[in-house]
Amino acid sequence: MSQSIVEEILGKYRVIAVVGLSKELGKPSHRVAAYLKNHGYQIIPVNPFVDEVFGEKSYKSLLEIPEVLQRKIDIVDIFRRSEDVPPVVDQVIKMREDVGRPFVVWMQQGIINEAAAKAAQQAGLIVVMNKC
């Protein structure tokens, strides 16, 4: 994935569901989401172990996000271990089938799952993998 495509994605899309968003300040998911929020992106936390992050309600899974909010999600940013990505991508694909969104699956730096990436691409999603 070229840097220009990444820049195009970040310039075009503004609502990001962050799967695995931590409340802990030092965690990469918290730092990245804070940066995005501070630069005008709407962040939707997805983490079954926290109630809220940045004053936003956290959802246990992507499919538990209310449909009205699902219809706004452009990007799903994944902060989970590589082996935990397939069920998340399955939820993304289900959302896309049900509400026509999101458009992008983003696996953060160090997160690589080729099978999940292929499934997402076959479902018509743009995939960014192993990139912060």
C-alpha atoms as a PDB file:
ATOM      1  CA  MET A   1       0.000   0.000   0.000  1.00  0.00           C
ATOM      2  CA  SER A   2       1.583   3.229  -1.110  1.00  0.00           C
ATOM      3  CA  GLN A   3       1.822   6.288   1.109  1.00  0.00           C
ATOM      4  CA  SER A   4      -0.293   8.276  -1.358  1.00  0.00           C
ATOM      5  CA  ILE A   5      -3.166   5.780  -1.046  1.00  0.00           C
ATOM      6  CA  VAL A   6      -2.906   5.918   2.751  1.00  0.00           C
ATOM      7  CA  GLU A   7      -3.022   9.712   2.600  1.00  0.00           C
ATOM      8  CA  GLU A   8      -6.032   9.539   0.261  1.00  0.00           C
ATOM      9  CA  ILE A   9      -7.858   7.224   2.690  1.00  0.00           C
ATOM     10  CA  LEU A  10      -7.139   9.488   5.659  1.00  0.00           C
ATOM     11  CA  GLY A  11      -8.150  12.552   3.672  1.00  0.00           C
ATOM     12  CA  LYS A  12     -11.423  11.077   2.445  1.00  0.00           C
ATOM     13  CA  TYR A  13     -12.756   9.193   5.479  1.00  0.00           C
ATOM     14  CA  ARG A  14     -13.421  10.718   8.912  1.00  0.00           C
ATOM     15  CA  VAL A  15     -15.257   8.167  11.105  1.00  0.00           C
ATOM     16  CA  ILE A  16     -13.145   5.355  12.537  1.00  0.00           C
ATOM     17  CA  ALA A  17     -14.185   2.432  14.725  1.00  0.00           C
ATOM     18  CA  VAL A  18     -11.107   1.383  16.699  1.00  0.00           C
ATOM     19  CA  VAL A  19     -11.230  -2.289  17.685  1.00  0.00           C
ATOM     20  CA  GLY A  20      -9.108  -2.948  20.760  1.00  0.00           C
ATOM     21  CA  LEU A  21      -8.973   0.703  21.850  1.00  0.00           C
ATOM     22  CA  SER A  22      -7.394   0.843  25.304  1.00  0.00           C
ATOM     23  CA  LYS A  23      -7.992   3.408  28.034  1.00  0.00           C
ATOM     24  CA  GLU A  24      -4.312   3.142  29.015  1.00  0.00           C
ATOM     25  CA  LEU A  25      -2.362   6.205  27.923  1.00  0.00           C
ATOM     26  CA  GLY A  26       0.815   4.330  26.958  1.00  0.00           C
ATOM     27  CA  LYS A  27      -0.857   1.758  24.727  1.00  0.00           C
ATOM     28  CA  PRO A  28      -0.426   2.190  20.957  1.00  0.00           C
ATOM     29  CA  SER A  29      -4.194   2.000  20.361  1.00  0.00           C
ATOM     30  CA  HIS A  30      -4.767   4.882  22.773  1.00  0.00           C
ATOM     31  CA  ARG A  31      -1.978   7.020  21.310  1.00  0.00           C
ATOM     32  CA  VAL A  32      -3.085   6.516  17.708  1.00  0.00           C
ATOM     33  CA  ALA A  33      -6.775   7.096  18.470  1.00  0.00           C
ATOM     34  CA  ALA A  34      -5.946  10.213  20.519  1.00  0.00           C
ATOM     35  CA  TYR A  35      -3.896  11.557  17.619  1.00  0.00           C
ATOM     36  CA  LEU A  36      -6.731  10.890  15.167  1.00  0.00           C
ATOM     37  CA  LYS A  37      -9.326  12.443  17.484  1.00  0.00           C
ATOM     38  CA  ASN A  38      -7.134  15.519  17.952  1.00  0.00           C
ATOM     39  CA  HIS A  39      -6.969  15.856  14.163  1.00  0.00           C
ATOM     40  CA  GLY A  40     -10.722  15.906  13.645  1.00  0.00           C
ATOM     41  CA  TYR A  41     -11.622  12.253  13.209  1.00  0.00           C
ATOM     42  CA  GLN A  42     -14.630  10.783  15.006  1.00  0.00           C
ATOM     43  CA  ILE A  43     -13.546   7.764  17.038  1.00  0.00           C
ATOM     44  CA  ILE A  44     -15.885   4.913  17.985  1.00  0.00           C
ATOM     45  CA  PRO A  45     -14.261   2.687  20.641  1.00  0.00           C
ATOM     46  CA  VAL A  46     -14.750  -1.080  20.401  1.00  0.00           C
ATOM     47  CA  ASN A  47     -13.493  -2.969  23.437  1.00  0.00           C
ATOM     48  CA  PRO A  48     -15.566  -5.328  25.605  1.00  0.00           C
ATOM     49  CA  PHE A  49     -13.486  -4.489  28.685  1.00  0.00           C
ATOM     50  CA  VAL A  50     -14.032  -0.723  28.867  1.00  0.00           C
ATOM     51  CA  ASP A  51     -17.173   1.380  29.151  1.00  0.00           C
ATOM     52  CA  GLU A  52     -15.855   4.511  27.458  1.00  0.00           C
ATOM     53  CA  VAL A  53     -12.750   6.105  25.988  1.00  0.00           C
ATOM     54  CA  PHE A  54     -12.348   9.830  25.249  1.00  0.00           C
ATOM     55  CA  GLY A  55     -15.858  10.341  26.632  1.00  0.00           C
ATOM     56  CA  GLU A  56     -17.269   8.055  23.922  1.00  0.00           C
ATOM     57  CA  LYS A  57     -19.247   4.894  24.714  1.00  0.00           C
ATOM     58  CA  SER A  58     -17.273   1.746  23.995  1.00  0.00           C
ATOM     59  CA  TYR A  59     -19.033  -1.169  22.322  1.00  0.00           C
ATOM     60  CA  LYS A  60     -18.340  -4.849  22.992  1.00  0.00           C
ATOM     61  CA  SER A  61     -18.142  -5.637  19.259  1.00  0.00           C
ATOM     62  CA  LEU A  62     -18.676  -3.960  15.909  1.00  0.00           C
ATOM     63  CA  LEU A  63     -22.064  -5.621  15.569  1.00  0.00           C
ATOM     64  CA  GLU A  64     -23.230  -4.146  18.901  1.00  0.00           C
ATOM     65  CA  ILE A  65     -22.784  -0.614  17.585  1.00  0.00           C
ATOM     66  CA  PRO A  66     -26.262   0.804  16.857  1.00  0.00           C
ATOM     67  CA  GLU A  67     -27.140   0.663  13.166  1.00  0.00           C
ATOM     68  CA  VAL A  68     -27.514   4.434  12.914  1.00  0.00           C
ATOM     69  CA  LEU A  69     -23.863   4.738  14.004  1.00  0.00           C
ATOM     70  CA  GLN A  70     -22.707   1.773  11.888  1.00  0.00           C
ATOM     71  CA  ARG A  71     -23.983   3.686   8.850  1.00  0.00           C
ATOM     72  CA  LYS A  72     -21.389   6.415   9.555  1.00  0.00           C
ATOM     73  CA  ILE A  73     -18.288   4.235   9.983  1.00  0.00           C
ATOM     74  CA  ASP A  74     -15.752   4.644   7.175  1.00  0.00           C
ATOM     75  CA  ILE A  75     -12.758   2.750   8.566  1.00  0.00           C
ATOM     76  CA  VAL A  76     -12.332  -0.094  11.051  1.00  0.00           C
ATOM     77  CA  ASP A  77      -8.898   0.225  12.641  1.00  0.00           C
ATOM     78  CA  ILE A  78      -7.798  -3.039  14.274  1.00  0.00           C
ATOM     79  CA  PHE A  79      -5.510  -3.230  17.303  1.00  0.00           C
ATOM     80  CA  ARG A  80      -5.676  -6.968  17.955  1.00  0.00           C
ATOM     81  CA  ARG A  81      -3.188  -9.792  17.622  1.00  0.00           C
ATOM     82  CA  SER A  82      -2.849 -11.086  14.063  1.00  0.00           C
ATOM     83  CA  GLU A  83      -4.517 -14.385  14.933  1.00  0.00           C
ATOM     84  CA  ASP A  84      -7.521 -12.511  16.410  1.00  0.00           C
ATOM     85  CA  VAL A  85      -8.201 -10.531  13.229  1.00  0.00           C
ATOM     86  CA  PRO A  86     -10.432 -12.992  11.264  1.00  0.00           C
ATOM     87  CA  PRO A  87     -13.499 -12.701  13.541  1.00  0.00           C
ATOM     88  CA  VAL A  88     -13.173  -8.908  13.456  1.00  0.00           C
ATOM     89  CA  VAL A  89     -13.010  -8.932   9.662  1.00  0.00           C
ATOM     90  CA  ASP A  90     -16.056 -11.245   9.609  1.00  0.00           C
ATOM     91  CA  GLN A  91     -17.938  -8.572  11.580  1.00  0.00           C
ATOM     92  CA  VAL A  92     -16.729  -5.859   9.184  1.00  0.00           C
ATOM     93  CA  ILE A  93     -17.954  -7.885   6.209  1.00  0.00           C
ATOM     94  CA  LYS A  94     -21.330  -8.445   7.912  1.00  0.00           C
ATOM     95  CA  MET A  95     -21.658  -4.696   8.565  1.00  0.00           C
ATOM     96  CA  ARG A  96     -20.798  -3.947   4.955  1.00  0.00           C
ATOM     97  CA  GLU A  97     -23.444  -6.406   3.761  1.00  0.00           C
ATOM     98  CA  ASP A  98     -26.056  -4.977   6.146  1.00  0.00           C
ATOM     99  CA  VAL A  99     -25.437  -1.205   6.007  1.00  0.00           C
ATOM    100  CA  GLY A 100     -23.035  -0.647   3.084  1.00  0.00           C
ATOM    101  CA  ARG A 101     -20.154   0.414   5.334  1.00  0.00           C
ATOM    102  CA  PRO A 102     -17.313   0.540   6.258  1.00  0.00           C
ATOM    103  CA  PHE A 103     -15.040   1.016   3.275  1.00  0.00           C
ATOM    104  CA  VAL A 104     -11.626   0.275   4.802  1.00  0.00           C
ATOM    105  CA  VAL A 105     -10.132  -2.355   7.119  1.00  0.00           C
ATOM    106  CA  TRP A 106      -6.888  -1.124   8.676  1.00  0.00           C
ATOM    107  CA  MET A 107      -4.590  -3.539  10.509  1.00  0.00           C
ATOM    108  CA  GLN A 108      -2.048  -1.588  12.521  1.00  0.00           C
ATOM    109  CA  GLN A 109       1.746  -1.920  12.496  1.00  0.00           C
ATOM    110  CA  GLY A 110       2.788  -5.496  13.221  1.00  0.00           C
ATOM    111  CA  ILE A 111      -0.675  -6.938  12.538  1.00  0.00           C
ATOM    112  CA  ILE A 112      -0.644  -9.238   9.532  1.00  0.00           C
ATOM    113  CA  ASN A 113      -3.309 -11.738   8.536  1.00  0.00           C
ATOM    114  CA  GLU A 114      -3.278 -12.523   4.820  1.00  0.00           C
ATOM    115  CA  ALA A 115      -6.409 -14.717   4.918  1.00  0.00           C
ATOM    116  CA  ALA A 116      -8.437 -11.998   6.643  1.00  0.00           C
ATOM    117  CA  ALA A 117      -7.079  -9.388   4.217  1.00  0.00           C
ATOM    118  CA  LYS A 118      -8.088 -11.532   1.256  1.00  0.00           C
ATOM    119  CA  ALA A 119     -11.601 -12.077   2.664  1.00  0.00           C
ATOM    120  CA  ALA A 120     -11.998  -8.333   3.201  1.00  0.00           C
ATOM    121  CA  GLN A 121     -10.793  -7.529  -0.315  1.00  0.00           C
ATOM    122  CA  GLN A 122     -13.153 -10.114  -1.790  1.00  0.00           C
ATOM    123  CA  ALA A 123     -15.985  -8.356   0.079  1.00  0.00           C
ATOM    124  CA  GLY A 124     -15.040  -5.093  -1.654  1.00  0.00           C
ATOM    125  CA  LEU A 125     -13.117  -3.486   1.195  1.00  0.00           C
ATOM    126  CA  ILE A 126      -9.874  -1.578   0.920  1.00  0.00           C
ATOM    127  CA  VAL A 127      -7.253  -3.233   3.139  1.00  0.00           C
ATOM    128  CA  VAL A 128      -4.332  -1.538   4.844  1.00  0.00           C
ATOM    129  CA  MET A 129      -2.133  -4.011   6.688  1.00  0.00           C
ATOM    130  CA  ASN A 130       0.935  -3.683   8.906  1.00  0.00           C
ATOM    131  CA  LYS A 131       0.845   0.120   8.774  1.00  0.00           C
ATOM    132  CA  CYS A 132       0.447   2.810  11.404  1.00  0.00           C
END
